[in-house]
Protein backbone atom coordinates (compact mmCIF):
# COMPACT_ATOMS: atom_id res chain seq x y z
CA MET A 1 -164.03 65.62 -144.51
CA ALA A 2 -163.88 67.48 -147.74
CA THR A 3 -161.33 66.34 -150.24
CA LYS A 4 -159.08 68.92 -151.83
CA HIS A 5 -158.50 68.79 -155.53
CA ALA A 6 -155.33 69.95 -157.17
CA VAL A 7 -155.60 73.43 -158.62
CA HIS A 8 -154.23 73.68 -162.11
CA HIS A 9 -152.82 77.08 -162.94
CA SER A 10 -152.40 78.31 -166.45
CA GLU A 11 -148.93 78.75 -167.88
CA PRO A 12 -147.33 82.16 -167.25
CA VAL A 13 -147.76 84.68 -170.01
CA LEU A 14 -144.35 85.70 -171.34
CA GLU A 15 -145.63 88.55 -173.48
CA SER A 16 -147.78 91.17 -171.85
CA ALA A 17 -150.47 93.21 -173.51
CA MET A 18 -148.78 96.49 -172.50
CA ASP A 19 -148.09 99.06 -175.17
CA TYR A 20 -144.48 99.94 -174.38
CA ALA A 21 -144.32 102.81 -176.87
CA GLU A 22 -147.29 104.47 -175.18
CA HIS A 23 -145.77 103.76 -171.77
CA GLU A 24 -142.51 105.48 -172.79
CA LYS A 25 -144.41 108.47 -174.19
CA THR A 26 -146.42 108.87 -170.99
CA TYR A 27 -143.30 108.54 -168.81
CA ASN A 28 -141.39 111.12 -170.88
CA GLY A 29 -144.36 113.51 -170.64
CA PHE A 30 -144.48 113.09 -166.88
CA ILE A 31 -140.75 113.74 -166.54
CA ALA A 32 -141.02 116.86 -168.73
CA ALA A 33 -143.94 118.16 -166.64
CA VAL A 34 -142.02 117.65 -163.39
CA LYS A 35 -138.93 119.32 -164.86
CA TRP A 36 -140.83 122.41 -165.99
CA SER A 37 -142.75 122.58 -162.71
CA VAL A 38 -139.51 122.64 -160.73
CA ILE A 39 -138.02 125.30 -163.02
CA SER A 40 -141.18 127.41 -162.76
CA LEU A 41 -141.25 127.15 -158.98
CA ALA A 42 -137.58 128.09 -158.73
CA ALA A 43 -138.16 131.14 -160.94
CA LEU A 44 -141.18 132.11 -158.85
CA LEU A 45 -139.14 131.89 -155.65
CA VAL A 46 -136.41 134.09 -157.12
CA ILE A 47 -138.97 136.66 -158.27
CA LEU A 48 -140.70 136.66 -154.87
CA PHE A 49 -137.35 137.08 -153.13
CA PHE A 50 -136.78 140.38 -154.92
CA VAL A 51 -140.41 141.57 -154.73
CA VAL A 52 -141.06 140.79 -151.07
CA GLN A 53 -138.01 141.92 -149.17
CA PRO A 54 -138.03 141.59 -145.39
């Protein structure tokens, strides 16, 4: 039979290499894009309601 050796894992990394400032900037840009997309779509629906009347 094969013998199993203990696997030694490295210590957990407490500090990540993520750039939190860049992460916040990207998140805020995404939220702004979603906000303006929803506002634009709402305005488009209102305009179409008055242009295309049943």
